[in-house]
Amino acid sequence: QVQLVESGGGLVQPGGSLRLSCAASGSIFTINAMGWYRQAPGKQRELAAQITSSGNTNYADSVKGRFTISRDNAKNTVSLQMNSLEPEDTAVYYCNTEIKRRTFVGGTYLYSTNTYWGQGTQVTVSS
């Protein structure tokens, strides 16, 4: 009952820019951390950037100074602005969110928190 829809991937030349966006919808009470992970061929999935509900950010060393993560709490969206892209940034990028849901059962509100993943969007940096 929660959907994450990503957009913005594609092919770009080295030194270029791309902007990824992810929109969460469905049964959402609040959203805690939101982030972007990436997985290159033959490698493990790794965190690229993360932002808390209060706006604190965390970046992988490899993207610091080039990527900027932001969120719009009113629209339940998170974006990743990627500048000065390098071939090493080529990967599938996944949106990741921690969502708190509230359901009303038997006269009582029940809360649950789960992690959700987007379907992934390909980013290819190549000349």
Foldseek 3Di string as FASTA:
>chain_A
DKAKDKDWADEAAAQAKIKMKIFIDDQFDFWFKKFKWWDDPPGDIGTAKMAGPVGDIDGDPVQPPFKDWDADRVRRMIMIIGGRDDQVPWTWMKMKIWTWGWDQDPNDIDIDIDMDIHPTDTHGYHD
